[in-house]
């Protein structure tokens, strides 16, 4: 079981801790493999809670949702992720790098199992990276 800690600048919050615990029950993070704690941070401007962690590419490909919606109750909701540019040379290089085992960082996801629970990691940033990882 992974230890969950709050950063010194994060206000302790049981709901945030429960959300992280639910996430850790479903998603194997590499930090747990090395007995490292999950640290909950809090954004100074928005107050949002988050953790930083690493996933295997195979888990990210299986669990990430590129069709995350800003309003899940509306069938016409604006998608958070815009058009993917799969023919762009930068993306093609990224796809080639992913196939060679390149490590990708700075992918922003929200753990949300309320809709489409099979893919609970809703991608808010890094959709091209996730697509390249999935293709690899």
C-alpha atoms as a PDB file:
ATOM      1  CA  UNK A   1       0.000   0.000   0.000  1.00  0.00           C
ATOM      2  CA  UNK A   2       1.355   3.385  -1.014  1.00  0.00           C
ATOM      3  CA  UNK A   3       1.697   6.014   1.680  1.00  0.00           C
ATOM      4  CA  UNK A   4      -0.171   9.246   0.895  1.00  0.00           C
ATOM      5  CA  UNK A   5       1.312  12.485   2.235  1.00  0.00           C
ATOM      6  CA  UNK A   6       0.366  16.143   1.869  1.00  0.00           C
ATOM      7  CA  UNK A   7       2.997  18.635   0.784  1.00  0.00           C
ATOM      8  CA  UNK A   8       3.776  21.315   3.392  1.00  0.00           C
ATOM      9  CA  UNK A   9       1.948  23.917   1.268  1.00  0.00           C
ATOM     10  CA  UNK A  10      -1.155  21.758   0.728  1.00  0.00           C
ATOM     11  CA  UNK A  11      -4.089  22.031   3.118  1.00  0.00           C
ATOM     12  CA  UNK A  12      -5.033  18.570   4.403  1.00  0.00           C
ATOM     13  CA  UNK A  13      -8.302  17.448   2.880  1.00  0.00           C
ATOM     14  CA  UNK A  14      -9.943  14.042   3.376  1.00  0.00           C
ATOM     15  CA  UNK A  15     -11.782  14.169   0.033  1.00  0.00           C
ATOM     16  CA  UNK A  16      -8.509  14.769  -1.828  1.00  0.00           C
ATOM     17  CA  UNK A  17      -6.846  11.933   0.088  1.00  0.00           C
ATOM     18  CA  UNK A  18      -9.770   9.585  -0.666  1.00  0.00           C
ATOM     19  CA  UNK A  19      -9.580  10.475  -4.379  1.00  0.00           C
ATOM     20  CA  UNK A  20      -5.864   9.735  -4.470  1.00  0.00           C
ATOM     21  CA  UNK A  21      -6.460   6.475  -2.625  1.00  0.00           C
ATOM     22  CA  UNK A  22      -9.143   5.451  -5.167  1.00  0.00           C
ATOM     23  CA  UNK A  23      -6.757   6.340  -7.990  1.00  0.00           C
ATOM     24  CA  UNK A  24      -3.972   4.254  -6.436  1.00  0.00           C
ATOM     25  CA  UNK A  25      -6.340   1.305  -6.044  1.00  0.00           C
ATOM     26  CA  UNK A  26      -6.920   1.285  -9.803  1.00  0.00           C
ATOM     27  CA  UNK A  27      -3.649   2.561 -11.251  1.00  0.00           C
ATOM     28  CA  UNK A  28      -0.192   1.120 -10.612  1.00  0.00           C
ATOM     29  CA  UNK A  29       2.254   3.995 -10.291  1.00  0.00           C
ATOM     30  CA  UNK A  30       5.981   3.374 -10.558  1.00  0.00           C
ATOM     31  CA  UNK A  31       6.640   5.241  -7.306  1.00  0.00           C
ATOM     32  CA  UNK A  32       4.782   2.471  -5.420  1.00  0.00           C
ATOM     33  CA  UNK A  33       7.150  -0.120  -6.897  1.00  0.00           C
ATOM     34  CA  UNK A  34      10.004   1.701  -5.165  1.00  0.00           C
ATOM     35  CA  UNK A  35       8.148   2.305  -1.876  1.00  0.00           C
ATOM     36  CA  UNK A  36       7.927   6.042  -2.532  1.00  0.00           C
ATOM     37  CA  UNK A  37       4.933   7.965  -1.160  1.00  0.00           C
ATOM     38  CA  UNK A  38       2.304   9.703  -3.259  1.00  0.00           C
ATOM     39  CA  UNK A  39       2.507  13.380  -2.354  1.00  0.00           C
ATOM     40  CA  UNK A  40      -0.588  15.546  -2.678  1.00  0.00           C
ATOM     41  CA  UNK A  41       0.149  19.089  -3.817  1.00  0.00           C
ATOM     42  CA  UNK A  42      -2.253  22.031  -3.956  1.00  0.00           C
ATOM     43  CA  UNK A  43      -2.287  24.691  -6.658  1.00  0.00           C
ATOM     44  CA  UNK A  44      -1.802  28.098  -5.076  1.00  0.00           C
ATOM     45  CA  UNK A  45      -4.087  29.914  -7.513  1.00  0.00           C
ATOM     46  CA  UNK A  46      -7.001  27.497  -7.998  1.00  0.00           C
ATOM     47  CA  UNK A  47      -6.745  25.446  -4.816  1.00  0.00           C
ATOM     48  CA  UNK A  48      -6.924  22.220  -6.862  1.00  0.00           C
ATOM     49  CA  UNK A  49      -5.213  19.130  -5.479  1.00  0.00           C
ATOM     50  CA  UNK A  50      -2.933  16.952  -7.597  1.00  0.00           C
ATOM     51  CA  UNK A  51      -0.143  14.389  -7.476  1.00  0.00           C
ATOM     52  CA  UNK A  52       2.833  13.850  -9.748  1.00  0.00           C
ATOM     53  CA  UNK A  53       3.456  10.247 -10.693  1.00  0.00           C
ATOM     54  CA  UNK A  54       4.790   7.921 -13.362  1.00  0.00           C
ATOM     55  CA  UNK A  55       2.945   5.184 -15.253  1.00  0.00           C
ATOM     56  CA  UNK A  56       4.061   2.479 -17.600  1.00  0.00           C
ATOM     57  CA  UNK A  57       3.191   3.321 -21.203  1.00  0.00           C
ATOM     58  CA  UNK A  58       1.050   0.179 -21.445  1.00  0.00           C
ATOM     59  CA  UNK A  59      -1.071   1.351 -18.490  1.00  0.00           C
ATOM     60  CA  UNK A  60      -1.341   4.909 -19.797  1.00  0.00           C
ATOM     61  CA  UNK A  61      -2.455   3.659 -23.219  1.00  0.00           C
ATOM     62  CA  UNK A  62      -5.124   1.453 -21.653  1.00  0.00           C
ATOM     63  CA  UNK A  63      -6.448   3.948 -19.068  1.00  0.00           C
ATOM     64  CA  UNK A  64      -6.302   7.346 -20.805  1.00  0.00           C
ATOM     65  CA  UNK A  65      -9.357   8.958 -22.377  1.00  0.00           C
ATOM     66  CA  UNK A  66      -8.662  11.387 -25.223  1.00  0.00           C
ATOM     67  CA  UNK A  67     -12.358  12.336 -25.386  1.00  0.00           C
ATOM     68  CA  UNK A  68     -12.586  14.031 -21.992  1.00  0.00           C
ATOM     69  CA  UNK A  69     -15.518  16.433 -21.757  1.00  0.00           C
ATOM     70  CA  UNK A  70     -15.731  19.679 -19.851  1.00  0.00           C
ATOM     71  CA  UNK A  71     -19.413  19.027 -19.048  1.00  0.00           C
ATOM     72  CA  UNK A  72     -20.163  15.317 -18.783  1.00  0.00           C
ATOM     73  CA  UNK A  73     -23.925  15.874 -18.488  1.00  0.00           C
ATOM     74  CA  UNK A  74     -24.206  17.497 -21.895  1.00  0.00           C
ATOM     75  CA  UNK A  75     -24.049  15.289 -24.981  1.00  0.00           C
ATOM     76  CA  UNK A  76     -22.939  18.336 -26.957  1.00  0.00           C
ATOM     77  CA  UNK A  77     -20.233  19.255 -24.461  1.00  0.00           C
ATOM     78  CA  UNK A  78     -17.105  20.903 -25.718  1.00  0.00           C
ATOM     79  CA  UNK A  79     -14.242  18.403 -25.740  1.00  0.00           C
ATOM     80  CA  UNK A  80     -11.196  19.378 -23.751  1.00  0.00           C
ATOM     81  CA  UNK A  81      -8.855  17.990 -26.399  1.00  0.00           C
ATOM     82  CA  UNK A  82      -8.877  19.604 -29.756  1.00  0.00           C
ATOM     83  CA  UNK A  83      -7.976  18.142 -33.109  1.00  0.00           C
ATOM     84  CA  UNK A  84      -4.959  15.865 -33.237  1.00  0.00           C
ATOM     85  CA  UNK A  85      -2.462  16.687 -35.978  1.00  0.00           C
ATOM     86  CA  UNK A  86      -1.356  13.177 -36.872  1.00  0.00           C
ATOM     87  CA  UNK A  87       0.228  14.131 -40.215  1.00  0.00           C
ATOM     88  CA  UNK A  88       2.447  16.856 -38.729  1.00  0.00           C
ATOM     89  CA  UNK A  89       6.177  16.067 -38.813  1.00  0.00           C
ATOM     90  CA  UNK A  90       6.527  16.806 -35.088  1.00  0.00           C
ATOM     91  CA  UNK A  91       3.857  14.243 -34.213  1.00  0.00           C
ATOM     92  CA  UNK A  92       5.343  11.669 -36.594  1.00  0.00           C
ATOM     93  CA  UNK A  93       8.720  12.106 -34.892  1.00  0.00           C
ATOM     94  CA  UNK A  94       7.002  11.713 -31.508  1.00  0.00           C
ATOM     95  CA  UNK A  95       5.336   8.517 -32.700  1.00  0.00           C
ATOM     96  CA  UNK A  96       8.661   7.143 -33.924  1.00  0.00           C
ATOM     97  CA  UNK A  97      10.303   8.051 -30.605  1.00  0.00           C
ATOM     98  CA  UNK A  98       7.496   6.335 -28.667  1.00  0.00           C
ATOM     99  CA  UNK A  99       8.064   3.150 -30.656  1.00  0.00           C
ATOM    100  CA  UNK A 100      11.742   3.299 -29.604  1.00  0.00           C
ATOM    101  CA  UNK A 101      10.757   3.563 -25.933  1.00  0.00           C
ATOM    102  CA  UNK A 102      11.078   7.294 -25.404  1.00  0.00           C
ATOM    103  CA  UNK A 103       9.880   8.546 -22.026  1.00  0.00           C
ATOM    104  CA  UNK A 104       7.196  11.239 -22.137  1.00  0.00           C
ATOM    105  CA  UNK A 105       6.444  13.685 -19.328  1.00  0.00           C
ATOM    106  CA  UNK A 106       4.077  16.541 -18.567  1.00  0.00           C
ATOM    107  CA  UNK A 107       0.872  14.749 -19.453  1.00  0.00           C
ATOM    108  CA  UNK A 108      -2.012  16.257 -17.490  1.00  0.00           C
ATOM    109  CA  UNK A 109      -4.849  13.906 -16.573  1.00  0.00           C
ATOM    110  CA  UNK A 110      -7.731  13.937 -14.147  1.00  0.00           C
ATOM    111  CA  UNK A 111      -8.787  10.727 -12.448  1.00  0.00           C
ATOM    112  CA  UNK A 112     -12.538  10.547 -13.041  1.00  0.00           C
ATOM    113  CA  UNK A 113     -14.332   7.197 -13.047  1.00  0.00           C
ATOM    114  CA  UNK A 114     -17.823   8.764 -13.062  1.00  0.00           C
ATOM    115  CA  UNK A 115     -18.179   8.481 -16.837  1.00  0.00           C
ATOM    116  CA  UNK A 116     -16.448   5.969 -19.071  1.00  0.00           C
ATOM    117  CA  UNK A 117     -14.882   4.160 -16.082  1.00  0.00           C
ATOM    118  CA  UNK A 118     -12.837   1.914 -18.377  1.00  0.00           C
ATOM    119  CA  UNK A 119     -10.665   4.932 -19.163  1.00  0.00           C
ATOM    120  CA  UNK A 120     -10.635   6.898 -15.894  1.00  0.00           C
ATOM    121  CA  UNK A 121      -7.654   9.106 -16.769  1.00  0.00           C
ATOM    122  CA  UNK A 122      -9.178  12.058 -18.622  1.00  0.00           C
ATOM    123  CA  UNK A 123      -6.458  13.757 -20.655  1.00  0.00           C
ATOM    124  CA  UNK A 124      -6.379  17.557 -20.358  1.00  0.00           C
ATOM    125  CA  UNK A 125      -2.892  18.100 -21.732  1.00  0.00           C
ATOM    126  CA  UNK A 126      -0.546  15.951 -23.759  1.00  0.00           C
ATOM    127  CA  UNK A 127      -3.061  14.268 -26.020  1.00  0.00           C
ATOM    128  CA  UNK A 128      -0.503  13.948 -28.828  1.00  0.00           C
ATOM    129  CA  UNK A 129       1.914  12.196 -26.451  1.00  0.00           C
ATOM    130  CA  UNK A 130      -0.775   9.782 -25.256  1.00  0.00           C
ATOM    131  CA  UNK A 131      -1.781   9.039 -28.846  1.00  0.00           C
ATOM    132  CA  UNK A 132       1.859   8.334 -29.758  1.00  0.00           C
ATOM    133  CA  UNK A 133       2.260   6.071 -26.712  1.00  0.00           C
ATOM    134  CA  UNK A 134      -0.962   4.228 -27.580  1.00  0.00           C
ATOM    135  CA  UNK A 135       0.210   3.707 -31.156  1.00  0.00           C
ATOM    136  CA  UNK A 136       3.538   2.314 -29.988  1.00  0.00           C
END
